[in-house]
Amino acid sequence: MVGYLIYQLVVFATYDGSVLWFLPRKGTSFRLGSFRHEDVRLLIATLVAAELSIIGAFTAHTHWTFRDRQVAYKPLWLRFMQFNAKALVSTAVIMTAVINVLVLRFSFHHYIAVPFGVLAGFTWNWLWDAQFIFRQAKGRQEID
């Protein structure tokens, strides 16, 4: 939930708002080799929102969702790196692709496309979080 709220706020600020005034205008096409994107501002906004929501979600999981779970010991920085790597697949790849395809190919409004992107990445995230990153410890182990 925290990640979703952060995502929506950042997209609003960077895509609809004028917080990042130096970004290209909406609808500006971008080409990098054979890759072409019809709205580079949307791509930038969704990628920035993805990383900031990842940081927010990790913080929420660490201090709320899994706070009572005796997790297998690993340093916080390692847990964050694992969480970030997992979330980059679901958020920066799966979610960003779903949102950009729905907006650019099917003319969805970007706020309507976000929940579809969230649903696409949810199962991936939950399985990795519950089974690997915040895995329950076996027996008594030190908790960080």
Foldseek 3Di string as FASTA:
>chain_A
DQLLVLLVVQLCCQQVHCVPVVDDHAQPWDDDPPDIARGVSLLVSQQVSLQVSLVRVLVCCCVPVLVPFQFDDDDPVVLSVQSNVQSCCLRVPQLSVQLRCCCPVVVDDSVVSNVVSCVRRVVSNVCCVDPPSRDHDDDDDDGD
